[in-house]
Amino acid sequence: MAGIPESTKISLRQRLAAHAASEWPGISQVSTRYRGRFAYIDATGPDGDNQPLCRLRYVGYANSWGFAIWRASHDDYADSVLIDGTWTGTAEAALDLAAGLYLPDATDHRRTNTEDH
């Protein structure tokens, strides 16, 4: 499979930025970088520190991605399942899982009132 289409890259950046802004007030910026069919997602906190979160694998659809969690202990990414036990899902679900693991201060302040969505 070839790399990620440019339109999908744009959509992914916009979706992750919007999701972080609405659900993760402890994240001031979400960064994406690309290599082949992979998108690497980092978060920047209010203090300016950058935290790698996860790697998404393009599987041919803009709304479904493979997920690999950043392993700080190994300085690499490991294929992982999402919170619902699936190997693929939305980029937003991947962001939520990884941010919940690596940004515990942000988790305490996460907006959780689902009636507003």
PDB file of N, CA and C in Angstrom:
ATOM      1  N   MET A   1       0.841  -1.172   0.000  1.00  0.00           N
ATOM      2  CA  MET A   1       0.000   0.000   0.000  1.00  0.00           C
ATOM      3  C   MET A   1       0.891   1.241   0.000  1.00  0.00           C
ATOM      4  N   ALA A   2       0.481   2.209  -0.774  1.00  0.00           N
ATOM      5  CA  ALA A   2       1.227   3.474  -0.840  1.00  0.00           C
ATOM      6  C   ALA A   2       1.023   4.264   0.442  1.00  0.00           C
ATOM      7  N   GLY A   3       1.589   5.446   0.469  1.00  0.00           N
ATOM      8  CA  GLY A   3       1.474   6.305   1.647  1.00  0.00           C
ATOM      9  C   GLY A   3       0.069   6.852   1.838  1.00  0.00           C
ATOM     10  N   ILE A   4      -0.062   7.725   2.798  1.00  0.00           N
ATOM     11  CA  ILE A   4      -1.338   8.332   3.153  1.00  0.00           C
ATOM     12  C   ILE A   4      -1.640   9.460   2.165  1.00  0.00           C
ATOM     13  N   PRO A   5      -2.832   9.475   1.570  1.00  0.00           N
ATOM     14  CA  PRO A   5      -3.185  10.565   0.654  1.00  0.00           C
ATOM     15  C   PRO A   5      -3.143  11.916   1.370  1.00  0.00           C
ATOM     16  N   GLU A   6      -2.779  12.959   0.637  1.00  0.00           N
ATOM     17  CA  GLU A   6      -2.672  14.294   1.220  1.00  0.00           C
ATOM     18  C   GLU A   6      -3.990  14.742   1.836  1.00  0.00           C
ATOM     19  N   SER A   7      -5.104  14.447   1.189  1.00  0.00           N
ATOM     20  CA  SER A   7      -6.403  14.859   1.730  1.00  0.00           C
ATOM     21  C   SER A   7      -6.681  14.182   3.074  1.00  0.00           C
ATOM     22  N   THR A   8      -6.230  12.955   3.237  1.00  0.00           N
ATOM     23  CA  THR A   8      -6.408  12.232   4.501  1.00  0.00           C
ATOM     24  C   THR A   8      -5.502  12.823   5.580  1.00  0.00           C
ATOM     25  N   LYS A   9      -4.295  13.229   5.198  1.00  0.00           N
ATOM     26  CA  LYS A   9      -3.393  13.874   6.156  1.00  0.00           C
ATOM     27  C   LYS A   9      -4.012  15.166   6.692  1.00  0.00           C
ATOM     28  N   ILE A  10      -4.568  15.956   5.804  1.00  0.00           N
ATOM     29  CA  ILE A  10      -5.200  17.220   6.200  1.00  0.00           C
ATOM     30  C   ILE A  10      -6.382  16.941   7.135  1.00  0.00           C
ATOM     31  N   SER A  11      -7.218  15.999   6.747  1.00  0.00           N
ATOM     32  CA  SER A  11      -8.374  15.640   7.557  1.00  0.00           C
ATOM     33  C   SER A  11      -7.946  15.128   8.926  1.00  0.00           C
ATOM     34  N   LEU A  12      -6.925  14.294   8.965  1.00  0.00           N
ATOM     35  CA  LEU A  12      -6.443  13.744  10.235  1.00  0.00           C
ATOM     36  C   LEU A  12      -5.962  14.861  11.159  1.00  0.00           C
ATOM     37  N   ARG A  13      -5.153  15.771  10.636  1.00  0.00           N
ATOM     38  CA  ARG A  13      -4.662  16.899  11.450  1.00  0.00           C
ATOM     39  C   ARG A  13      -5.823  17.712  12.015  1.00  0.00           C
ATOM     40  N   GLN A  14      -6.796  18.010  11.174  1.00  0.00           N
ATOM     41  CA  GLN A  14      -7.935  18.815  11.601  1.00  0.00           C
ATOM     42  C   GLN A  14      -8.770  18.084  12.651  1.00  0.00           C
ATOM     43  N   ARG A  15      -9.028  16.811  12.433  1.00  0.00           N
ATOM     44  CA  ARG A  15      -9.840  16.028  13.371  1.00  0.00           C
ATOM     45  C   ARG A  15      -9.161  15.902  14.729  1.00  0.00           C
ATOM     46  N   LEU A  16      -7.863  15.605  14.732  1.00  0.00           N
ATOM     47  CA  LEU A  16      -7.157  15.455  16.007  1.00  0.00           C
ATOM     48  C   LEU A  16      -7.066  16.782  16.760  1.00  0.00           C
ATOM     49  N   ALA A  17      -6.818  17.869  16.040  1.00  0.00           N
ATOM     50  CA  ALA A  17      -6.759  19.186  16.687  1.00  0.00           C
ATOM     51  C   ALA A  17      -8.112  19.550  17.293  1.00  0.00           C
ATOM     52  N   ALA A  18      -9.181  19.317  16.562  1.00  0.00           N
ATOM     53  CA  ALA A  18     -10.514  19.627  17.065  1.00  0.00           C
ATOM     54  C   ALA A  18     -10.868  18.758  18.264  1.00  0.00           C
ATOM     55  N   HIS A  19     -10.527  17.481  18.198  1.00  0.00           N
ATOM     56  CA  HIS A  19     -10.834  16.566  19.306  1.00  0.00           C
ATOM     57  C   HIS A  19     -10.049  16.947  20.561  1.00  0.00           C
ATOM     58  N   ALA A  20      -8.782  17.240  20.394  1.00  0.00           N
ATOM     59  CA  ALA A  20      -7.969  17.639  21.546  1.00  0.00           C
ATOM     60  C   ALA A  20      -8.498  18.936  22.153  1.00  0.00           C
ATOM     61  N   ALA A  21      -8.886  19.886  21.315  1.00  0.00           N
ATOM     62  CA  ALA A  21      -9.397  21.162  21.814  1.00  0.00           C
ATOM     63  C   ALA A  21     -10.695  20.986  22.594  1.00  0.00           C
ATOM     64  N   SER A  22     -11.543  20.057  22.167  1.00  0.00           N
ATOM     65  CA  SER A  22     -12.828  19.887  22.842  1.00  0.00           C
ATOM     66  C   SER A  22     -12.773  18.913  24.019  1.00  0.00           C
ATOM     67  N   GLU A  23     -11.841  17.967  23.996  1.00  0.00           N
ATOM     68  CA  GLU A  23     -11.826  16.914  25.016  1.00  0.00           C
ATOM     69  C   GLU A  23     -10.617  16.922  25.935  1.00  0.00           C
ATOM     70  N   TRP A  24      -9.537  17.570  25.541  1.00  0.00           N
ATOM     71  CA  TRP A  24      -8.287  17.525  26.299  1.00  0.00           C
ATOM     72  C   TRP A  24      -7.740  18.931  26.509  1.00  0.00           C
ATOM     73  N   PRO A  25      -8.291  19.670  27.434  1.00  0.00           N
ATOM     74  CA  PRO A  25      -7.807  21.039  27.648  1.00  0.00           C
ATOM     75  C   PRO A  25      -6.350  21.102  28.097  1.00  0.00           C
ATOM     76  N   GLY A  26      -5.786  19.994  28.570  1.00  0.00           N
ATOM     77  CA  GLY A  26      -4.377  19.959  28.958  1.00  0.00           C
ATOM     78  C   GLY A  26      -3.429  19.802  27.782  1.00  0.00           C
ATOM     79  N   ILE A  27      -3.973  19.662  26.588  1.00  0.00           N
ATOM     80  CA  ILE A  27      -3.155  19.579  25.376  1.00  0.00           C
ATOM     81  C   ILE A  27      -3.293  20.901  24.636  1.00  0.00           C
ATOM     82  N   SER A  28      -2.183  21.595  24.476  1.00  0.00           N
ATOM     83  CA  SER A  28      -2.245  22.875  23.764  1.00  0.00           C
ATOM     84  C   SER A  28      -2.072  22.704  22.259  1.00  0.00           C
ATOM     85  N   GLN A  29      -1.428  21.606  21.839  1.00  0.00           N
ATOM     86  CA  GLN A  29      -1.232  21.362  20.410  1.00  0.00           C
ATOM     87  C   GLN A  29      -1.030  19.872  20.160  1.00  0.00           C
ATOM     88  N   VAL A  30      -1.603  19.388  19.061  1.00  0.00           N
ATOM     89  CA  VAL A  30      -1.358  18.026  18.589  1.00  0.00           C
ATOM     90  C   VAL A  30      -0.543  18.141  17.315  1.00  0.00           C
ATOM     91  N   SER A  31       0.558  17.409  17.261  1.00  0.00           N
ATOM     92  CA  SER A  31       1.421  17.429  16.075  1.00  0.00           C
ATOM     93  C   SER A  31       1.340  16.087  15.369  1.00  0.00           C
ATOM     94  N   THR A  32       1.375  16.132  14.056  1.00  0.00           N
ATOM     95  CA  THR A  32       1.416  14.910  13.249  1.00  0.00           C
ATOM     96  C   THR A  32       2.598  14.989  12.303  1.00  0.00           C
ATOM     97  N   ARG A  33       3.249  13.868  12.111  1.00  0.00           N
ATOM     98  CA  ARG A  33       4.291  13.749  11.092  1.00  0.00           C
ATOM     99  C   ARG A  33       4.076  12.409  10.408  1.00  0.00           C
ATOM    100  N   TYR A  34       4.564  12.292   9.202  1.00  0.00           N
ATOM    101  CA  TYR A  34       4.214  11.146   8.376  1.00  0.00           C
ATOM    102  C   TYR A  34       5.447  10.475   7.793  1.00  0.00           C
ATOM    103  N   ARG A  35       5.342   9.173   7.667  1.00  0.00           N
ATOM    104  CA  ARG A  35       6.361   8.387   6.984  1.00  0.00           C
ATOM    105  C   ARG A  35       5.664   7.171   6.401  1.00  0.00           C
ATOM    106  N   GLY A  36       5.637   7.114   5.074  1.00  0.00           N
ATOM    107  CA  GLY A  36       4.947   6.009   4.414  1.00  0.00           C
ATOM    108  C   GLY A  36       3.482   5.981   4.809  1.00  0.00           C
ATOM    109  N   ARG A  37       3.013   4.842   5.288  1.00  0.00           N
ATOM    110  CA  ARG A  37       1.607   4.724   5.684  1.00  0.00           C
ATOM    111  C   ARG A  37       1.380   4.966   7.176  1.00  0.00           C
ATOM    112  N   PHE A  38       2.361   5.577   7.838  1.00  0.00           N
ATOM    113  CA  PHE A  38       2.261   5.843   9.267  1.00  0.00           C
ATOM    114  C   PHE A  38       2.131   7.330   9.555  1.00  0.00           C
ATOM    115  N   ALA A  39       1.326   7.637  10.574  1.00  0.00           N
ATOM    116  CA  ALA A  39       1.198   8.993  11.111  1.00  0.00           C
ATOM    117  C   ALA A  39       1.619   8.924  12.572  1.00  0.00           C
ATOM    118  N   TYR A  40       2.550   9.764  12.949  1.00  0.00           N
ATOM    119  CA  TYR A  40       3.062   9.815  14.322  1.00  0.00           C
ATOM    120  C   TYR A  40       2.421  11.000  15.022  1.00  0.00           C
ATOM    121  N   ILE A  41       1.836  10.752  16.194  1.00  0.00           N
ATOM    122  CA  ILE A  41       1.064  11.758  16.902  1.00  0.00           C
ATOM    123  C   ILE A  41       1.770  12.123  18.204  1.00  0.00           C
ATOM    124  N   ASP A  42       2.022  13.418  18.387  1.00  0.00           N
ATOM    125  CA  ASP A  42       2.619  13.951  19.605  1.00  0.00           C
ATOM    126  C   ASP A  42       1.677  15.009  20.173  1.00  0.00           C
ATOM    127  N   ALA A  43       1.783  15.236  21.466  1.00  0.00           N
ATOM    128  CA  ALA A  43       1.007  16.295  22.119  1.00  0.00           C
ATOM    129  C   ALA A  43       1.960  17.252  22.809  1.00  0.00           C
ATOM    130  N   THR A  44       1.610  18.509  22.778  1.00  0.00           N
ATOM    131  CA  THR A  44       2.354  19.533  23.505  1.00  0.00           C
ATOM    132  C   THR A  44       1.451  20.051  24.612  1.00  0.00           C
ATOM    133  N   GLY A  45       1.976  20.073  25.820  1.00  0.00           N
ATOM    134  CA  GLY A  45       1.226  20.569  26.961  1.00  0.00           C
ATOM    135  C   GLY A  45       1.403  22.060  27.132  1.00  0.00           C
ATOM    136  N   PRO A  46       0.688  22.635  28.079  1.00  0.00           N
ATOM    137  CA  PRO A  46       0.777  24.076  28.323  1.00  0.00           C
ATOM    138  C   PRO A  46       2.182  24.536  28.701  1.00  0.00           C
ATOM    139  N   ASP A  47       2.982  23.619  29.250  1.00  0.00           N
ATOM    140  CA  ASP A  47       4.350  23.956  29.640  1.00  0.00           C
ATOM    141  C   ASP A  47       5.320  23.920  28.465  1.00  0.00           C
ATOM    142  N   GLY A  48       4.820  23.510  27.283  1.00  0.00           N
ATOM    143  CA  GLY A  48       5.652  23.457  26.088  1.00  0.00           C
ATOM    144  C   GLY A  48       6.364  22.138  25.879  1.00  0.00           C
ATOM    145  N   ASP A  49       6.221  21.209  26.832  1.00  0.00           N
ATOM    146  CA  ASP A  49       6.855  19.893  26.681  1.00  0.00           C
ATOM    147  C   ASP A  49       6.114  19.074  25.632  1.00  0.00           C
ATOM    148  N   ASN A  50       6.889  18.399  24.788  1.00  0.00           N
ATOM    149  CA  ASN A  50       6.343  17.554  23.738  1.00  0.00           C
ATOM    150  C   ASN A  50       6.361  16.103  24.205  1.00  0.00           C
ATOM    151  N   GLN A  51       5.238  15.394  24.018  1.00  0.00           N
ATOM    152  CA  GLN A  51       5.120  14.004  24.428  1.00  0.00           C
ATOM    153  C   GLN A  51       4.672  13.151  23.248  1.00  0.00           C
ATOM    154  N   PRO A  52       5.520  12.211  22.785  1.00  0.00           N
ATOM    155  CA  PRO A  52       5.027  11.256  21.786  1.00  0.00           C
ATOM    156  C   PRO A  52       3.867  10.461  22.382  1.00  0.00           C
ATOM    157  N   LEU A  53       2.831  10.210  21.592  1.00  0.00           N
ATOM    158  CA  LEU A  53       1.678   9.471  22.086  1.00  0.00           C
ATOM    159  C   LEU A  53       1.493   8.133  21.379  1.00  0.00           C
ATOM    160  N   CYS A  54       1.396   8.188  20.049  1.00  0.00           N
ATOM    161  CA  CYS A  54       1.079   6.956  19.335  1.00  0.00           C
ATOM    162  C   CYS A  54       1.450   7.076  17.858  1.00  0.00           C
ATOM    163  N   ARG A  55       1.348   5.931  17.206  1.00  0.00           N
ATOM    164  CA  ARG A  55       1.538   5.869  15.754  1.00  0.00           C
ATOM    165  C   ARG A  55       0.273   5.262  15.172  1.00  0.00           C
ATOM    166  N   LEU A  56      -0.243   5.901  14.143  1.00  0.00           N
ATOM    167  CA  LEU A  56      -1.404   5.387  13.441  1.00  0.00           C
ATOM    168  C   LEU A  56      -0.947   4.779  12.120  1.00  0.00           C
ATOM    169  N   ARG A  57      -1.554   3.663  11.750  1.00  0.00           N
ATOM    170  CA  ARG A  57      -1.234   2.994  10.486  1.00  0.00           C
ATOM    171  C   ARG A  57      -2.424   3.126   9.550  1.00  0.00           C
ATOM    172  N   TYR A  58      -2.188   3.738   8.409  1.00  0.00           N
ATOM    173  CA  TYR A  58      -3.246   3.921   7.414  1.00  0.00           C
ATOM    174  C   TYR A  58      -3.612   2.573   6.812  1.00  0.00           C
ATOM    175  N   VAL A  59      -4.900   2.235   6.885  1.00  0.00           N
ATOM    176  CA  VAL A  59      -5.362   0.948   6.354  1.00  0.00           C
ATOM    177  C   VAL A  59      -6.288   1.134   5.160  1.00  0.00           C
ATOM    178  N   GLY A  60      -6.272   2.341   4.584  1.00  0.00           N
ATOM    179  CA  GLY A  60      -7.051   2.591   3.390  1.00  0.00           C
ATOM    180  C   GLY A  60      -8.297   3.434   3.599  1.00  0.00           C
ATOM    181  N   TYR A  61      -8.590   3.769   4.841  1.00  0.00           N
ATOM    182  CA  TYR A  61      -9.790   4.541   5.161  1.00  0.00           C
ATOM    183  C   TYR A  61      -9.435   5.672   6.118  1.00  0.00           C
ATOM    184  N   ALA A  62      -9.997   6.839   5.885  1.00  0.00           N
ATOM    185  CA  ALA A  62      -9.687   7.996   6.735  1.00  0.00           C
ATOM    186  C   ALA A  62     -10.253   7.859   8.145  1.00  0.00           C
ATOM    187  N   ASN A  63     -11.246   7.000   8.332  1.00  0.00           N
ATOM    188  CA  ASN A  63     -11.887   6.855   9.642  1.00  0.00           C
ATOM    189  C   ASN A  63     -11.499   5.583  10.381  1.00  0.00           C
ATOM    190  N   SER A  64     -10.549   4.848   9.872  1.00  0.00           N
ATOM    191  CA  SER A  64     -10.121   3.616  10.534  1.00  0.00           C
ATOM    192  C   SER A  64      -8.609   3.496  10.419  1.00  0.00           C
ATOM    193  N   TRP A  65      -7.959   3.363  11.571  1.00  0.00           N
ATOM    194  CA  TRP A  65      -6.505   3.342  11.638  1.00  0.00           C
ATOM    195  C   TRP A  65      -6.031   2.211  12.529  1.00  0.00           C
ATOM    196  N   GLY A  66      -4.895   1.619  12.181  1.00  0.00           N
ATOM    197  CA  GLY A  66      -4.219   0.727  13.102  1.00  0.00           C
ATOM    198  C   GLY A  66      -3.575   1.580  14.185  1.00  0.00           C
ATOM    199  N   PHE A  67      -3.321   0.986  15.346  1.00  0.00           N
ATOM    200  CA  PHE A  67      -2.858   1.750  16.502  1.00  0.00           C
ATOM    201  C   PHE A  67      -1.624   1.110  17.109  1.00  0.00           C
ATOM    202  N   ALA A  68      -0.632   1.935  17.389  1.00  0.00           N
ATOM    203  CA  ALA A  68       0.560   1.500  18.130  1.00  0.00           C
ATOM    204  C   ALA A  68       0.845   2.552  19.192  1.00  0.00           C
ATOM    205  N   ILE A  69       1.028   2.107  20.411  1.00  0.00           N
ATOM    206  CA  ILE A  69       1.286   3.016  21.525  1.00  0.00           C
ATOM    207  C   ILE A  69       2.776   3.321  21.623  1.00  0.00           C
ATOM    208  N   TRP A  70       3.111   4.531  21.986  1.00  0.00           N
ATOM    209  CA  TRP A  70       4.501   4.920  22.248  1.00  0.00           C
ATOM    210  C   TRP A  70       4.949   4.226  23.525  1.00  0.00           C
ATOM    211  N   ARG A  71       6.108   3.578  23.472  1.00  0.00           N
ATOM    212  CA  ARG A  71       6.671   2.944  24.667  1.00  0.00           C
ATOM    213  C   ARG A  71       7.915   3.721  25.061  1.00  0.00           C
ATOM    214  N   ALA A  72       7.770   4.578  26.054  1.00  0.00           N
ATOM    215  CA  ALA A  72       8.892   5.395  26.502  1.00  0.00           C
ATOM    216  C   ALA A  72      10.042   4.523  27.001  1.00  0.00           C
ATOM    217  N   SER A  73       9.710   3.401  27.617  1.00  0.00           N
ATOM    218  CA  SER A  73      10.743   2.526  28.177  1.00  0.00           C
ATOM    219  C   SER A  73      11.630   1.900  27.106  1.00  0.00           C
ATOM    220  N   HIS A  74      11.123   1.804  25.871  1.00  0.00           N
ATOM    221  CA  HIS A  74      11.879   1.208  24.772  1.00  0.00           C
ATOM    222  C   HIS A  74      12.198   2.209  23.665  1.00  0.00           C
ATOM    223  N   ASP A  75      11.652   3.437  23.780  1.00  0.00           N
ATOM    224  CA  ASP A  75      11.822   4.456  22.755  1.00  0.00           C
ATOM    225  C   ASP A  75      11.354   3.947  21.394  1.00  0.00           C
ATOM    226  N   ASP A  76      10.155   3.315  21.398  1.00  0.00           N
ATOM    227  CA  ASP A  76       9.592   2.794  20.158  1.00  0.00           C
ATOM    228  C   ASP A  76       8.072   2.721  20.265  1.00  0.00           C
ATOM    229  N   TYR A  77       7.455   2.172  19.244  1.00  0.00           N
ATOM    230  CA  TYR A  77       6.004   2.002  19.201  1.00  0.00           C
ATOM    231  C   TYR A  77       5.696   0.512  19.159  1.00  0.00           C
ATOM    232  N   ALA A  78       4.629   0.109  19.854  1.00  0.00           N
ATOM    233  CA  ALA A  78       4.209  -1.295  19.860  1.00  0.00           C
ATOM    234  C   ALA A  78       2.750  -1.370  19.431  1.00  0.00           C
ATOM    235  N   ASP A  79       2.474  -2.239  18.444  1.00  0.00           N
ATOM    236  CA  ASP A  79       1.091  -2.431  18.024  1.00  0.00           C
ATOM    237  C   ASP A  79       0.248  -2.789  19.237  1.00  0.00           C
ATOM    238  N   SER A  80      -0.910  -2.170  19.321  1.00  0.00           N
ATOM    239  CA  SER A  80      -1.766  -2.322  20.487  1.00  0.00           C
ATOM    240  C   SER A  80      -3.230  -2.343  20.066  1.00  0.00           C
ATOM    241  N   VAL A  81      -4.064  -2.777  20.978  1.00  0.00           N
ATOM    242  CA  VAL A  81      -5.507  -2.710  20.764  1.00  0.00           C
ATOM    243  C   VAL A  81      -6.031  -1.428  21.392  1.00  0.00           C
ATOM    244  N   LEU A  82      -7.132  -0.973  20.875  1.00  0.00           N
ATOM    245  CA  LEU A  82      -7.793   0.200  21.434  1.00  0.00           C
ATOM    246  C   LEU A  82      -8.620  -0.218  22.651  1.00  0.00           C
ATOM    247  N   ILE A  83      -9.187   0.744  23.324  1.00  0.00           N
ATOM    248  CA  ILE A  83      -9.907   0.491  24.567  1.00  0.00           C
ATOM    249  C   ILE A  83     -11.070  -0.488  24.382  1.00  0.00           C
ATOM    250  N   ASP A  84     -11.645  -0.536  23.178  1.00  0.00           N
ATOM    251  CA  ASP A  84     -12.757  -1.463  22.928  1.00  0.00           C
ATOM    252  C   ASP A  84     -12.277  -2.851  22.513  1.00  0.00           C
ATOM    253  N   GLY A  85     -10.951  -3.064  22.508  1.00  0.00           N
ATOM    254  CA  GLY A  85     -10.389  -4.375  22.190  1.00  0.00           C
ATOM    255  C   GLY A  85     -10.139  -4.625  20.714  1.00  0.00           C
ATOM    256  N   THR A  86     -10.379  -3.626  19.870  1.00  0.00           N
ATOM    257  CA  THR A  86     -10.160  -3.801  18.431  1.00  0.00           C
ATOM    258  C   THR A  86      -8.768  -3.314  18.033  1.00  0.00           C
ATOM    259  N   TRP A  87      -8.285  -3.825  16.911  1.00  0.00           N
ATOM    260  CA  TRP A  87      -6.958  -3.455  16.401  1.00  0.00           C
ATOM    261  C   TRP A  87      -6.997  -2.208  15.533  1.00  0.00           C
ATOM    262  N   THR A  88      -8.179  -1.819  15.085  1.00  0.00           N
ATOM    263  CA  THR A  88      -8.317  -0.592  14.297  1.00  0.00           C
ATOM    264  C   THR A  88      -9.490   0.213  14.831  1.00  0.00           C
ATOM    265  N   GLY A  89      -9.415   1.521  14.615  1.00  0.00           N
ATOM    266  CA  GLY A  89     -10.491   2.400  15.065  1.00  0.00           C
ATOM    267  C   GLY A  89     -10.203   3.824  14.655  1.00  0.00           C
ATOM    268  N   THR A  90     -10.911   4.738  15.259  1.00  0.00           N
ATOM    269  CA  THR A  90     -10.757   6.140  14.887  1.00  0.00           C
ATOM    270  C   THR A  90      -9.471   6.721  15.466  1.00  0.00           C
ATOM    271  N   ALA A  91      -9.000   7.747  14.826  1.00  0.00           N
ATOM    272  CA  ALA A  91      -7.823   8.455  15.328  1.00  0.00           C
ATOM    273  C   ALA A  91      -8.128   9.093  16.680  1.00  0.00           C
ATOM    274  N   GLU A  92      -9.356   9.527  16.874  1.00  0.00           N
ATOM    275  CA  GLU A  92      -9.753  10.133  18.141  1.00  0.00           C
ATOM    276  C   GLU A  92      -9.687   9.110  19.283  1.00  0.00           C
ATOM    277  N   ALA A  93     -10.107   7.882  19.022  1.00  0.00           N
ATOM    278  CA  ALA A  93     -10.025   6.835  20.051  1.00  0.00           C
ATOM    279  C   ALA A  93      -8.571   6.554  20.414  1.00  0.00           C
ATOM    280  N   ALA A  94      -7.697   6.570  19.423  1.00  0.00           N
ATOM    281  CA  ALA A  94      -6.266   6.360  19.673  1.00  0.00           C
ATOM    282  C   ALA A  94      -5.696   7.508  20.508  1.00  0.00           C
ATOM    283  N   LEU A  95      -6.065   8.730  20.162  1.00  0.00           N
ATOM    284  CA  LEU A  95      -5.608   9.892  20.931  1.00  0.00           C
ATOM    285  C   LEU A  95      -6.086   9.801  22.377  1.00  0.00           C
ATOM    286  N   ASP A  96      -7.334   9.448  22.579  1.00  0.00           N
ATOM    287  CA  ASP A  96      -7.875   9.338  23.936  1.00  0.00           C
ATOM    288  C   ASP A  96      -7.121   8.303  24.766  1.00  0.00           C
ATOM    289  N   LEU A  97      -6.864   7.153  24.190  1.00  0.00           N
ATOM    290  CA  LEU A  97      -6.163   6.098  24.926  1.00  0.00           C
ATOM    291  C   LEU A  97      -4.741   6.530  25.269  1.00  0.00           C
ATOM    292  N   ALA A  98      -4.011   7.021  24.288  1.00  0.00           N
ATOM    293  CA  ALA A  98      -2.613   7.398  24.512  1.00  0.00           C
ATOM    294  C   ALA A  98      -2.505   8.598  25.456  1.00  0.00           C
ATOM    295  N   ALA A  99      -3.352   9.600  25.290  1.00  0.00           N
ATOM    296  CA  ALA A  99      -3.311  10.769  26.171  1.00  0.00           C
ATOM    297  C   ALA A  99      -3.656  10.375  27.599  1.00  0.00           C
ATOM    298  N   GLY A 100      -4.590   9.453  27.756  1.00  0.00           N
ATOM    299  CA  GLY A 100      -4.945   8.990  29.088  1.00  0.00           C
ATOM    300  C   GLY A 100      -3.805   8.287  29.792  1.00  0.00           C
ATOM    301  N   LEU A 101      -2.947   7.644  29.019  1.00  0.00           N
ATOM    302  CA  LEU A 101      -1.792   6.959  29.599  1.00  0.00           C
ATOM    303  C   LEU A 101      -0.632   7.901  29.890  1.00  0.00           C
ATOM    304  N   TYR A 102      -0.362   8.807  28.971  1.00  0.00           N
ATOM    305  CA  TYR A 102       0.839   9.640  29.078  1.00  0.00           C
ATOM    306  C   TYR A 102       0.618  11.037  29.644  1.00  0.00           C
ATOM    307  N   LEU A 103      -0.611  11.462  29.723  1.00  0.00           N
ATOM    308  CA  LEU A 103      -0.890  12.810  30.211  1.00  0.00           C
ATOM    309  C   LEU A 103      -1.881  12.741  31.365  1.00  0.00           C
ATOM    310  N   PRO A 104      -1.481  12.143  32.481  1.00  0.00           N
ATOM    311  CA  PRO A 104      -2.433  11.961  33.575  1.00  0.00           C
ATOM    312  C   PRO A 104      -3.009  13.264  34.108  1.00  0.00           C
ATOM    313  N   ASP A 105      -2.238  14.338  34.090  1.00  0.00           N
ATOM    314  CA  ASP A 105      -2.774  15.623  34.541  1.00  0.00           C
ATOM    315  C   ASP A 105      -3.899  16.083  33.620  1.00  0.00           C
ATOM    316  N   ALA A 106      -3.755  15.815  32.329  1.00  0.00           N
ATOM    317  CA  ALA A 106      -4.794  16.192  31.370  1.00  0.00           C
ATOM    318  C   ALA A 106      -6.032  15.328  31.579  1.00  0.00           C
ATOM    319  N   THR A 107      -5.857  14.077  31.974  1.00  0.00           N
ATOM    320  CA  THR A 107      -6.986  13.182  32.192  1.00  0.00           C
ATOM    321  C   THR A 107      -7.873  13.706  33.312  1.00  0.00           C
ATOM    322  N   ASP A 108      -7.275  14.244  34.356  1.00  0.00           N
ATOM    323  CA  ASP A 108      -8.056  14.752  35.477  1.00  0.00           C
ATOM    324  C   ASP A 108      -8.982  15.882  35.057  1.00  0.00           C
ATOM    325  N   HIS A 109      -8.606  16.579  33.994  1.00  0.00           N
ATOM    326  CA  HIS A 109      -9.370  17.731  33.559  1.00  0.00           C
ATOM    327  C   HIS A 109     -10.149  17.454  32.274  1.00  0.00           C
ATOM    328  N   ARG A 110     -10.154  16.223  31.829  1.00  0.00           N
ATOM    329  CA  ARG A 110     -10.843  15.891  30.585  1.00  0.00           C
ATOM    330  C   ARG A 110     -12.335  16.142  30.728  1.00  0.00           C
ATOM    331  N   ARG A 111     -12.899  16.698  29.706  1.00  0.00           N
ATOM    332  CA  ARG A 111     -14.345  16.925  29.711  1.00  0.00           C
ATOM    333  C   ARG A 111     -15.030  15.576  29.531  1.00  0.00           C
ATOM    334  N   THR A 112     -15.921  15.236  30.432  1.00  0.00           N
ATOM    335  CA  THR A 112     -16.533  13.907  30.388  1.00  0.00           C
ATOM    336  C   THR A 112     -18.039  13.945  30.258  1.00  0.00           C
ATOM    337  N   ASN A 113     -18.650  15.093  30.181  1.00  0.00           N
ATOM    338  CA  ASN A 113     -20.100  15.174  30.058  1.00  0.00           C
ATOM    339  C   ASN A 113     -20.494  14.844  28.632  1.00  0.00           C
ATOM    340  N   THR A 114     -20.886  13.602  28.388  1.00  0.00           N
ATOM    341  CA  THR A 114     -21.197  13.156  27.022  1.00  0.00           C
ATOM    342  C   THR A 114     -22.534  13.691  26.525  1.00  0.00           C
ATOM    343  N   GLU A 115     -23.366  14.243  27.398  1.00  0.00           N
ATOM    344  CA  GLU A 115     -24.630  14.800  26.963  1.00  0.00           C
ATOM    345  C   GLU A 115     -24.435  16.053  26.104  1.00  0.00           C
ATOM    346  N   ASP A 116     -23.272  16.681  26.221  1.00  0.00           N
ATOM    347  CA  ASP A 116     -22.991  17.880  25.436  1.00  0.00           C
ATOM    348  C   ASP A 116     -22.538  17.559  24.017  1.00  0.00           C
ATOM    349  N   HIS A 117     -22.277  16.288  23.711  1.00  0.00           N
ATOM    350  CA  HIS A 117     -21.734  15.919  22.393  1.00  0.00           C
ATOM    351  C   HIS A 117     -22.813  15.498  21.446  1.00  0.00           C
TER     352      HIS A 117
END
